[in-house]
Amino acid sequence: MRFDKRRLIAALLVILPLALAGLSFFLGRFPIAPATLLKVLASRVAPIQPDWPDTVETVIFNIRLPRILLALCIGAGLSVSGAAFQGMFQNPLVSPDILGVTAGAGFGAAIGILLGGNSLAVQGFALVFGMLAVALSYTISRVYETTPTLMLVLSGIVVGAIFSALLSLAKYVADPKQKLPAIVFWLMGSLAAISKRDVITAAPPMVAGMAGLLMVRWRINILSMGDEEARSLGIRTDLLKAIVIIGCTVVTASAVSVCGIIGWIGLVVPHVGRMLVGPDHKALLPASLSLGASYLLVIDDLARTLISAEIPLGILTAIVGAPFFAYLLRRTQGGRT
């Protein structure tokens, strides 16, 4: 039988996040034996007499399962958004926060913390302001009923700078004993406080946004050729750009609202995907989905097991992502991977 490299890569991309998710159940300060885990999971669908303490079920279903599910969704969503934006903007250095969504979400979360809101209020403020920032970027970039790519980038820089300044102002006026540490820790990114409610509120919009991007992924190939070429082929570029921006914004804003700002995933992971499956977005977006989900799951496992105190995810993604991106720049000499 002829060896098919593409099928092997596709199979590995399907198996990898599932295998890592299964392994993540065993990792942590509270050890759980594989046999116990299987019995606990099977007890939800079969009449098995419990021979384990209630603490085991609490750890599995209330702590690790929500955390694993959101790590998969967030990693996949940020990576797919990064790959889609890099194609739309025809720039391999673009990340999901190019239109100011993370700066807006960070400011919204800071406002929620300053107002003394609970975690749900903080998430709501972050989601609303993140989407507001992108809406402002898109509105500013509109020129004569069109949306030039360069105008989008410049508008995103302007809006991101404004919300970054507002975030600095919020930190400046925050109580240095309680509010300021909470804002700083949130901005570092973490899945430590994830609950079932977070999965219910954040996962559906992320899945919907990713589904929309995957449905138009073949059109992103045409959009990456440039606006004039895409229009000559009958593509309504403004409509397609709006669809991509809405999908990426929903995914990124939902992710940031529950876990804070986690950088480098949407920038680096699509490059790894191109090394495996090539630049065709029909294959690149699914590959980025699998690789991003697996990557953030590994990072989260390291964050909660390396030392006694949990390490913020933003620190680890930068420590791992920045050197690897520097390697990619050297390897490709600044071009596309």
Protein backbone atom coordinates (compact mmCIF):
# COMPACT_ATOMS: atom_id res chain seq x y z
CA MET A 1 0.00 0.00 0.00
CA ARG A 2 1.33 3.42 -0.99
CA PHE A 3 2.29 5.57 1.97
CA ASP A 4 0.07 8.67 2.16
CA LYS A 5 1.77 11.35 4.21
CA ARG A 6 -1.25 13.66 4.19
CA ARG A 7 -3.54 11.01 5.65
CA LEU A 8 -1.00 10.21 8.35
CA ILE A 9 -0.72 13.90 9.31
CA ALA A 10 -4.52 14.23 9.33
CA ALA A 11 -4.86 11.20 11.59
CA LEU A 12 -2.20 12.49 13.97
CA LEU A 13 -3.89 15.89 14.12
CA VAL A 14 -7.14 14.21 15.15
CA ILE A 15 -5.53 11.93 17.73
CA LEU A 16 -3.14 14.46 19.29
CA PRO A 17 -5.62 16.74 21.15
CA LEU A 18 -7.71 13.76 22.26
CA ALA A 19 -4.67 11.95 23.66
CA LEU A 20 -3.41 15.06 25.43
CA ALA A 21 -6.87 15.71 26.88
CA GLY A 22 -6.94 12.20 28.31
CA LEU A 23 -3.46 12.62 29.77
CA SER A 24 -4.39 15.96 31.36
CA PHE A 25 -6.94 14.27 33.63
CA PHE A 26 -4.08 12.53 35.46
CA LEU A 27 -1.88 15.59 35.93
CA GLY A 28 -2.14 17.81 38.98
CA ARG A 29 -1.49 17.98 42.68
CA PHE A 30 -4.32 15.52 43.34
CA PRO A 31 -3.23 12.22 41.75
CA ILE A 32 -5.87 10.05 40.09
CA ALA A 33 -5.10 6.51 38.95
CA PRO A 34 -6.07 5.62 35.35
CA ALA A 35 -8.33 2.78 36.51
CA THR A 36 -10.14 5.10 38.91
CA LEU A 37 -10.62 7.70 36.20
CA LEU A 38 -12.13 5.16 33.82
CA LYS A 39 -14.50 3.86 36.49
CA VAL A 40 -15.61 7.38 37.44
CA LEU A 41 -16.29 8.29 33.81
CA ALA A 42 -18.08 4.99 33.17
CA SER A 43 -20.25 5.49 36.26
CA ARG A 44 -22.04 8.32 34.46
CA VAL A 45 -23.42 5.91 31.84
CA ALA A 46 -23.34 2.53 33.61
CA PRO A 47 -24.51 1.31 37.04
CA ILE A 48 -21.13 1.07 38.78
CA GLN A 49 -20.93 1.00 42.56
CA PRO A 50 -18.60 3.82 43.70
CA ASP A 51 -15.49 2.67 45.54
CA TRP A 52 -13.75 6.04 45.43
CA PRO A 53 -14.10 9.17 47.59
CA ASP A 54 -16.40 12.01 46.51
CA THR A 55 -13.34 14.24 46.17
CA VAL A 56 -12.26 12.32 43.07
CA GLU A 57 -15.52 13.08 41.26
CA THR A 58 -15.32 16.72 42.29
CA VAL A 59 -11.79 17.06 40.91
CA ILE A 60 -12.64 15.31 37.65
CA PHE A 61 -15.99 16.89 36.78
CA ASN A 62 -15.85 20.29 38.49
CA ILE A 63 -12.19 21.22 38.07
CA ARG A 64 -10.26 19.29 35.44
CA LEU A 65 -12.97 18.61 32.86
CA PRO A 66 -14.07 22.28 32.51
CA ARG A 67 -10.44 23.38 32.43
CA ILE A 68 -9.51 20.85 29.75
CA LEU A 69 -12.53 21.70 27.59
CA LEU A 70 -11.86 25.44 27.71
CA ALA A 71 -8.13 24.99 27.10
CA LEU A 72 -8.99 23.04 23.96
CA CYS A 73 -11.53 25.63 22.80
CA ILE A 74 -9.36 28.66 23.55
CA GLY A 75 -6.21 27.24 21.98
CA ALA A 76 -8.11 26.10 18.89
CA GLY A 77 -10.01 29.37 18.58
CA LEU A 78 -6.99 31.66 18.88
CA SER A 79 -5.02 29.58 16.37
CA VAL A 80 -7.83 29.44 13.81
CA SER A 81 -8.38 33.19 14.19
CA GLY A 82 -4.68 33.86 13.71
CA ALA A 83 -4.53 31.72 10.57
CA ALA A 84 -7.64 33.39 9.13
CA PHE A 85 -6.35 36.91 9.83
CA GLN A 86 -2.91 36.11 8.40
CA GLY A 87 -4.59 35.02 5.19
CA MET A 88 -6.99 37.96 5.03
CA PHE A 89 -4.30 40.56 5.74
CA GLN A 90 -1.74 38.72 3.55
CA ASN A 91 0.76 39.06 6.39
CA PRO A 92 2.29 36.18 8.37
CA LEU A 93 3.04 38.52 11.30
CA VAL A 94 -0.63 39.21 12.07
CA SER A 95 -2.22 37.87 15.26
CA PRO A 96 -5.87 37.79 16.45
CA ASP A 97 -5.44 41.04 18.40
CA ILE A 98 -4.56 43.10 15.29
CA LEU A 99 -7.88 45.00 15.49
CA GLY A 100 -7.60 45.83 19.20
CA VAL A 101 -9.81 43.11 20.64
CA THR A 102 -7.44 42.14 23.45
CA ALA A 103 -6.77 45.75 24.46
CA GLY A 104 -10.50 46.42 24.55
CA ALA A 105 -11.21 43.24 26.50
CA GLY A 106 -8.43 44.04 28.95
CA PHE A 107 -9.89 47.48 29.60
CA GLY A 108 -13.37 46.00 30.01
CA ALA A 109 -12.13 43.45 32.53
CA ALA A 110 -10.32 46.19 34.46
CA ILE A 111 -13.55 48.19 34.62
CA GLY A 112 -15.40 45.13 35.89
CA ILE A 113 -12.79 44.57 38.60
CA LEU A 114 -12.80 48.25 39.61
CA LEU A 115 -16.59 48.16 39.96
CA GLY A 116 -16.28 45.19 42.29
CA GLY A 117 -18.17 42.83 40.03
CA ASN A 118 -18.05 39.05 40.27
CA SER A 119 -16.33 36.87 37.68
CA LEU A 120 -19.41 36.85 35.45
CA ALA A 121 -19.50 40.67 35.41
CA VAL A 122 -15.80 40.86 34.60
CA GLN A 123 -16.30 38.43 31.71
CA GLY A 124 -19.25 40.42 30.44
CA PHE A 125 -17.37 43.73 30.48
CA ALA A 126 -14.37 42.11 28.76
CA LEU A 127 -16.53 40.58 26.04
CA VAL A 128 -18.48 43.78 25.34
CA PHE A 129 -15.45 46.08 25.23
CA GLY A 130 -13.46 43.60 23.13
CA MET A 131 -16.18 43.52 20.50
CA LEU A 132 -16.61 47.30 20.77
CA ALA A 133 -12.92 47.83 20.00
CA VAL A 134 -13.15 45.77 16.81
CA ALA A 135 -16.37 47.53 15.79
CA LEU A 136 -14.59 50.87 16.16
CA SER A 137 -11.64 49.64 14.10
CA TYR A 138 -13.93 48.43 11.33
CA THR A 139 -15.96 51.66 11.34
CA ILE A 140 -12.87 53.88 11.17
CA SER A 141 -11.43 51.84 8.30
CA ARG A 142 -14.48 52.28 6.06
CA VAL A 143 -13.54 54.51 3.10
CA TYR A 144 -16.06 55.18 0.34
CA GLU A 145 -18.09 52.07 1.21
CA THR A 146 -15.01 49.83 1.03
CA THR A 147 -12.65 48.45 3.67
CA PRO A 148 -9.03 48.53 2.49
CA THR A 149 -6.78 46.07 4.30
CA LEU A 150 -4.20 48.73 5.15
CA MET A 151 -6.89 50.95 6.67
CA LEU A 152 -8.04 48.04 8.83
CA VAL A 153 -4.53 47.51 10.16
CA LEU A 154 -3.97 51.19 10.87
CA SER A 155 -7.38 51.53 12.51
CA GLY A 156 -6.65 48.52 14.70
CA ILE A 157 -3.36 50.10 15.81
CA VAL A 158 -5.14 53.34 16.71
CA VAL A 159 -7.97 51.68 18.62
CA GLY A 160 -5.58 49.29 20.38
CA ALA A 161 -3.44 52.23 21.49
CA ILE A 162 -6.49 54.07 22.85
CA PHE A 163 -7.73 51.11 24.87
CA SER A 164 -4.21 50.33 26.09
CA ALA A 165 -3.99 53.89 27.40
CA LEU A 166 -7.39 53.53 29.07
CA LEU A 167 -6.22 50.26 30.64
CA SER A 168 -3.14 52.01 32.02
CA LEU A 169 -5.40 54.70 33.45
CA ALA A 170 -7.59 52.06 35.09
CA LYS A 171 -4.53 50.47 36.70
CA TYR A 172 -3.30 53.89 37.83
CA VAL A 173 -6.51 54.67 39.73
CA ALA A 174 -6.97 51.12 41.09
CA ASP A 175 -6.54 50.30 44.76
CA PRO A 176 -2.91 49.07 44.97
CA LYS A 177 -3.71 46.51 47.68
CA GLN A 178 -6.65 44.65 46.11
CA LYS A 179 -7.85 45.91 42.73
CA LEU A 180 -4.48 46.46 41.06
CA PRO A 181 -3.11 42.94 41.78
CA ALA A 182 -6.39 41.46 40.52
CA ILE A 183 -6.14 43.42 37.26
CA VAL A 184 -2.48 42.52 36.74
CA PHE A 185 -3.07 38.81 37.41
CA TRP A 186 -6.07 38.75 35.06
CA LEU A 187 -4.02 40.32 32.28
CA MET A 188 -1.40 37.56 32.60
CA GLY A 189 -3.94 34.92 31.63
CA SER A 190 -4.98 31.87 33.61
CA LEU A 191 -7.44 28.96 33.64
CA ALA A 192 -7.16 28.45 37.39
CA ALA A 193 -10.66 29.73 38.21
CA ILE A 194 -12.51 28.03 35.34
CA SER A 195 -15.87 26.44 36.23
CA LYS A 196 -18.73 24.68 34.46
CA ARG A 197 -20.48 28.02 34.08
CA ASP A 198 -17.53 29.39 32.13
CA VAL A 199 -17.72 26.45 29.73
CA ILE A 200 -21.45 27.03 29.21
CA THR A 201 -21.07 30.77 28.59
CA ALA A 202 -17.81 30.90 26.61
CA ALA A 203 -17.53 27.64 24.66
CA PRO A 204 -20.66 27.98 22.45
CA PRO A 205 -19.70 31.37 20.91
CA MET A 206 -16.14 30.16 20.36
CA VAL A 207 -17.39 27.00 18.63
CA ALA A 208 -19.82 29.05 16.52
CA GLY A 209 -17.09 31.49 15.49
CA MET A 210 -14.70 28.68 14.57
CA ALA A 211 -17.44 26.93 12.58
CA GLY A 212 -18.05 30.10 10.59
CA LEU A 213 -14.37 30.50 9.80
CA LEU A 214 -14.04 26.87 8.76
CA MET A 215 -17.04 27.22 6.43
CA VAL A 216 -15.39 30.05 4.47
CA ARG A 217 -11.82 28.81 4.69
CA TRP A 218 -11.52 28.07 0.97
CA ARG A 219 -12.56 31.66 0.19
CA ILE A 220 -9.73 32.96 2.38
CA ASN A 221 -7.37 31.47 -0.22
CA ILE A 222 -8.86 33.84 -2.78
CA LEU A 223 -8.89 36.77 -0.36
CA SER A 224 -5.18 36.25 0.33
CA MET A 225 -4.50 36.97 -3.36
CA GLY A 226 -5.54 40.61 -2.87
CA ASP A 227 -8.77 42.57 -3.10
CA GLU A 228 -8.59 43.27 -6.85
CA GLU A 229 -7.94 39.65 -7.78
CA ALA A 230 -10.65 38.42 -5.41
CA ARG A 231 -13.23 40.86 -6.84
CA SER A 232 -12.31 39.83 -10.38
CA LEU A 233 -13.18 36.24 -9.40
CA GLY A 234 -16.62 37.32 -8.17
CA ILE A 235 -15.87 37.41 -4.43
CA ARG A 236 -17.60 40.13 -2.42
CA THR A 237 -14.50 41.08 -0.50
CA ASP A 238 -16.14 43.44 1.98
CA LEU A 239 -18.75 40.85 2.94
CA LEU A 240 -16.11 38.12 3.27
CA LYS A 241 -13.87 40.39 5.36
CA ALA A 242 -16.80 41.18 7.63
CA ILE A 243 -17.54 37.46 8.09
CA VAL A 244 -13.91 36.70 8.94
CA ILE A 245 -13.64 39.68 11.30
CA ILE A 246 -16.89 38.79 13.10
CA GLY A 247 -15.85 35.15 13.48
CA CYS A 248 -12.36 36.00 14.76
CA THR A 249 -13.72 38.69 17.08
CA VAL A 250 -16.34 36.44 18.66
CA VAL A 251 -13.76 33.71 19.22
CA THR A 252 -11.02 35.98 20.56
CA ALA A 253 -13.26 38.15 22.73
CA SER A 254 -14.94 35.08 24.25
CA ALA A 255 -11.56 33.48 24.96
CA VAL A 256 -10.05 36.60 26.50
CA SER A 257 -13.17 37.22 28.62
CA VAL A 258 -12.72 33.95 30.55
CA CYS A 259 -8.96 33.47 30.70
CA GLY A 260 -7.34 36.88 30.25
CA ILE A 261 -4.78 37.79 27.62
CA ILE A 262 -2.78 34.85 26.26
CA GLY A 263 -0.38 35.87 23.53
CA TRP A 264 1.66 34.15 20.81
CA ILE A 265 -0.74 31.26 20.16
CA GLY A 266 -2.53 32.90 17.23
CA LEU A 267 0.78 34.14 15.84
CA VAL A 268 3.01 31.07 16.09
CA VAL A 269 0.71 28.05 15.73
CA PRO A 270 -0.47 28.86 12.15
CA HIS A 271 3.18 28.87 11.05
CA VAL A 272 3.61 25.37 12.44
CA GLY A 273 0.47 24.36 10.59
CA ARG A 274 1.92 25.65 7.32
CA MET A 275 5.05 23.60 7.90
CA LEU A 276 2.87 20.48 8.17
CA VAL A 277 0.08 20.95 5.61
CA GLY A 278 1.12 23.93 3.47
CA PRO A 279 -0.47 27.35 2.91
CA ASP A 280 -3.86 26.12 1.61
CA HIS A 281 -6.40 27.43 4.14
CA LYS A 282 -8.72 24.49 3.49
CA ALA A 283 -6.19 22.33 5.31
CA LEU A 284 -4.43 25.03 7.33
CA LEU A 285 -7.39 26.09 9.47
CA PRO A 286 -8.25 22.54 10.65
CA ALA A 287 -4.56 21.88 11.29
CA SER A 288 -4.26 25.12 13.28
CA LEU A 289 -7.34 24.12 15.26
CA SER A 290 -5.78 20.82 16.32
CA LEU A 291 -2.31 22.22 16.98
CA GLY A 292 -3.60 25.22 18.93
CA ALA A 293 -5.83 23.10 21.13
CA SER A 294 -2.96 20.70 21.83
CA TYR A 295 -0.47 23.50 22.47
CA LEU A 296 -2.54 25.39 25.02
CA LEU A 297 -3.45 22.14 26.76
CA VAL A 298 0.25 21.31 27.17
CA ILE A 299 1.00 24.85 28.36
CA ASP A 300 -1.82 24.68 30.90
CA ASP A 301 -0.59 21.31 32.17
CA LEU A 302 2.87 22.80 32.64
CA ALA A 303 1.42 25.87 34.35
CA ARG A 304 -0.24 23.79 37.06
CA THR A 305 2.47 21.16 37.57
CA LEU A 306 5.90 22.80 37.18
CA ILE A 307 5.95 24.50 40.58
CA SER A 308 3.75 24.64 43.66
CA ALA A 309 2.24 28.00 42.64
CA GLU A 310 0.42 28.12 39.32
CA ILE A 311 2.25 30.02 36.57
CA PRO A 312 0.17 32.47 34.47
CA LEU A 313 -0.38 31.17 30.95
CA GLY A 314 0.74 34.39 29.29
CA ILE A 315 4.21 33.98 30.76
CA LEU A 316 4.66 30.43 29.51
CA THR A 317 3.27 31.10 26.02
CA ALA A 318 5.72 34.00 25.65
CA ILE A 319 8.67 31.99 26.97
CA VAL A 320 7.93 29.16 24.52
CA GLY A 321 6.47 31.13 21.63
CA ALA A 322 8.95 33.99 21.28
CA PRO A 323 12.11 31.85 20.82
CA PHE A 324 10.27 29.50 18.46
CA PHE A 325 9.04 32.45 16.39
CA ALA A 326 12.59 33.79 16.25
CA TYR A 327 13.67 30.38 14.93
CA LEU A 328 10.94 30.56 12.27
CA LEU A 329 12.09 34.02 11.20
CA ARG A 330 15.65 32.73 10.79
CA ARG A 331 14.48 29.61 9.00
CA THR A 332 12.26 31.43 6.51
CA GLN A 333 14.35 34.61 6.30
CA GLY A 334 11.30 36.70 7.05
CA GLY A 335 9.08 35.09 4.43
CA ARG A 336 6.12 32.79 4.74
CA THR A 337 6.69 29.38 6.28
